[in-house]
Protein backbone atom coordinates (compact mmCIF):
# COMPACT_ATOMS: atom_id res chain seq x y z
CA MET A 1 -25.71 32.22 -23.06
CA SER A 2 -23.94 29.64 -24.33
CA PHE A 3 -25.48 25.76 -23.41
CA LYS A 4 -23.52 22.93 -22.22
CA THR A 5 -23.93 19.44 -23.10
CA ALA A 6 -24.13 16.65 -20.39
CA ALA A 7 -20.80 15.47 -21.83
CA GLU A 8 -18.82 18.97 -20.96
CA MET A 9 -20.62 19.90 -17.61
CA ARG A 10 -19.66 16.47 -16.70
CA GLU A 11 -15.85 17.14 -17.83
CA ILE A 12 -15.75 20.47 -15.82
CA THR A 13 -17.18 19.11 -12.59
CA GLN A 14 -14.74 15.93 -13.03
CA GLU A 15 -11.60 18.84 -13.76
CA SER A 16 -13.14 21.27 -10.64
CA ILE A 17 -12.81 18.03 -8.13
CA MET A 18 -9.35 17.07 -9.28
CA SER A 19 -8.02 20.06 -8.75
CA ASP A 20 -9.30 20.03 -4.87
CA VAL A 21 -8.26 16.95 -4.82
CA GLU A 22 -4.90 18.49 -6.13
CA LYS A 23 -4.59 21.53 -3.56
CA GLU A 24 -5.12 19.13 -0.99
CA MET A 25 -2.76 16.75 -1.98
CA GLU A 26 0.14 19.90 -2.15
CA ALA A 27 -1.12 21.28 1.29
CA ARG A 28 -0.63 17.96 2.56
CA ALA A 29 2.98 17.30 1.17
CA LYS A 30 4.06 20.81 2.27
CA GLN A 31 3.21 19.67 5.96
CA GLY A 32 5.47 16.61 5.78
CA LYS A 33 2.52 14.16 5.28
CA TYR A 34 2.56 11.50 2.62
CA GLU A 35 -1.16 10.54 2.29
CA TYR A 36 -4.29 12.36 1.81
CA ALA A 37 -7.72 10.83 2.79
CA PHE A 38 -11.08 12.07 2.13
CA ASP A 39 -15.10 11.25 2.74
CA GLY A 40 -16.26 11.47 -0.72
CA LEU A 41 -15.79 9.47 -4.56
CA LEU A 42 -13.04 9.39 -6.83
CA THR A 43 -13.91 8.66 -10.34
CA THR A 44 -12.89 5.78 -12.57
CA MET A 45 -10.91 8.25 -14.52
CA GLN A 46 -9.90 9.88 -11.80
CA LYS A 47 -8.15 6.89 -9.94
CA GLU A 48 -6.87 5.97 -12.88
CA LYS A 49 -5.45 9.08 -13.71
CA LEU A 50 -3.86 9.35 -10.55
CA ILE A 51 -2.45 5.68 -10.17
CA GLU A 52 -0.71 6.49 -13.88
CA LEU A 53 1.00 9.56 -12.19
CA GLY A 54 2.23 7.02 -9.23
CA TYR A 55 -0.02 7.38 -6.86
CA ASN A 56 -1.32 4.54 -4.24
CA VAL A 57 -4.53 5.11 -4.66
CA ARG A 58 -7.57 3.05 -2.36
CA THR A 59 -10.89 3.30 -2.17
CA GLY A 60 -14.08 2.03 -0.45
CA TYR A 61 -17.22 2.10 0.93
CA GLN A 62 -18.30 2.32 4.79
CA TYR A 63 -21.62 2.58 6.07
CA ASN A 64 -22.18 2.94 2.23
CA GLU A 65 -20.13 6.25 2.32
CA PRO A 66 -17.59 6.47 0.06
CA TRP A 67 -14.02 7.69 1.22
CA ALA A 68 -10.40 7.29 -0.87
CA ILE A 69 -7.27 7.54 0.32
CA ILE A 70 -4.35 8.72 -1.47
CA SER A 71 -0.59 8.28 -0.99
CA TRP A 72 2.54 9.21 -2.01
């Protein structure tokens, strides 16, 4: 059995989240939509990566719950 460090687990989790976000963005684009909105949190690193790739990213909180909108 191999044990992973906290940093390795965090990276795996972030990659998984980005994979899910990418799949949802692709599905929306195929539907002819120009944004993906969801309740949840993007890390600073994820947000910066999306912006670097040319996406418009807005995040915030409503009633202490995080939300994000990614548009293209």
